[in-house]
Protein backbone atom coordinates (compact mmCIF):
# COMPACT_ATOMS: atom_id res chain seq x y z
CA UNK A 1 -4.14 4.02 -16.44
CA UNK A 2 -2.45 2.02 -13.71
CA UNK A 3 -4.76 3.43 -11.04
CA UNK A 4 -7.78 2.46 -13.11
CA UNK A 5 -6.54 -1.09 -13.61
CA UNK A 6 -5.88 -1.41 -9.87
CA UNK A 7 -9.38 -0.09 -9.19
CA UNK A 8 -10.88 -2.65 -11.59
CA UNK A 9 -9.00 -5.43 -9.78
CA UNK A 10 -10.27 -4.13 -6.45
CA UNK A 11 -13.82 -4.29 -7.78
CA UNK A 12 -13.24 -7.95 -8.69
CA UNK A 13 -11.86 -8.78 -5.24
CA UNK A 14 -14.36 -6.97 -3.00
CA UNK A 15 -17.92 -8.28 -3.36
CA UNK A 16 -20.53 -5.59 -4.16
CA UNK A 17 -17.97 -2.78 -3.88
CA UNK A 18 -19.19 -1.02 -7.01
CA UNK A 19 -22.81 -1.11 -5.84
CA UNK A 20 -21.83 0.16 -2.40
CA UNK A 21 -19.77 2.99 -3.87
CA UNK A 22 -22.56 4.01 -6.22
CA UNK A 23 -25.16 4.06 -3.44
CA UNK A 24 -22.96 5.77 -0.81
CA UNK A 25 -22.72 9.44 -0.01
CA UNK A 26 -19.81 11.46 -1.32
CA UNK A 27 -18.38 11.65 2.21
CA UNK A 28 -18.47 7.86 2.56
CA UNK A 29 -16.72 7.39 -0.78
CA UNK A 30 -14.03 9.89 0.22
CA UNK A 31 -13.57 8.10 3.54
CA UNK A 32 -13.12 4.75 1.79
CA UNK A 33 -10.66 6.30 -0.69
CA UNK A 34 -8.65 7.75 2.20
CA UNK A 35 -8.52 4.36 3.91
CA UNK A 36 -7.31 2.71 0.71
CA UNK A 37 -4.65 5.40 0.29
CA UNK A 38 -3.57 4.97 3.90
CA UNK A 39 -3.20 1.22 3.37
CA UNK A 40 -1.19 1.73 0.18
CA UNK A 41 1.10 4.23 1.90
CA UNK A 42 1.62 1.85 4.81
CA UNK A 43 2.52 -0.97 2.45
CA UNK A 44 5.13 1.21 0.71
CA UNK A 45 6.54 2.22 4.09
CA UNK A 46 6.82 -1.42 5.16
CA UNK A 47 8.57 -2.27 1.88
CA UNK A 48 11.05 0.58 2.40
CA UNK A 49 11.81 -0.50 5.96
CA UNK A 50 12.49 -4.07 4.93
CA UNK A 51 14.64 -2.91 2.01
CA UNK A 52 16.76 -0.74 4.33
CA UNK A 53 17.39 -3.67 6.65
CA UNK A 54 18.28 -5.96 3.74
CA UNK A 55 20.68 -3.40 2.28
CA UNK A 56 22.39 -2.84 5.63
CA UNK A 57 22.78 -6.60 6.05
CA UNK A 58 24.18 -6.82 2.52
CA UNK A 59 26.78 -4.04 2.85
CA UNK A 60 27.92 -4.85 6.40
CA UNK A 61 30.83 -7.31 6.55
CA UNK A 62 29.93 -10.50 8.44
CA UNK A 63 30.65 -10.29 12.13
CA UNK A 64 31.36 -6.55 12.01
CA UNK A 65 29.41 -3.42 12.81
CA UNK A 66 28.57 -0.89 10.14
CA UNK A 67 30.46 2.34 10.78
CA UNK A 68 28.97 5.26 8.85
């Protein structure tokens, strides 16, 4: 359900996306889907990296180094 709602939002944001998908070859649609997936994965990775840095800053005493 969530994927479908995200897809519907994407259709609202990208002009003529539905028409282009419907008139494209299967290979083109798969390529677009892979690019979208790659972008989503990259965004999650960026979020994780920034969370790690924030957590390290939070647990490290001020002016001291974190010793594992």
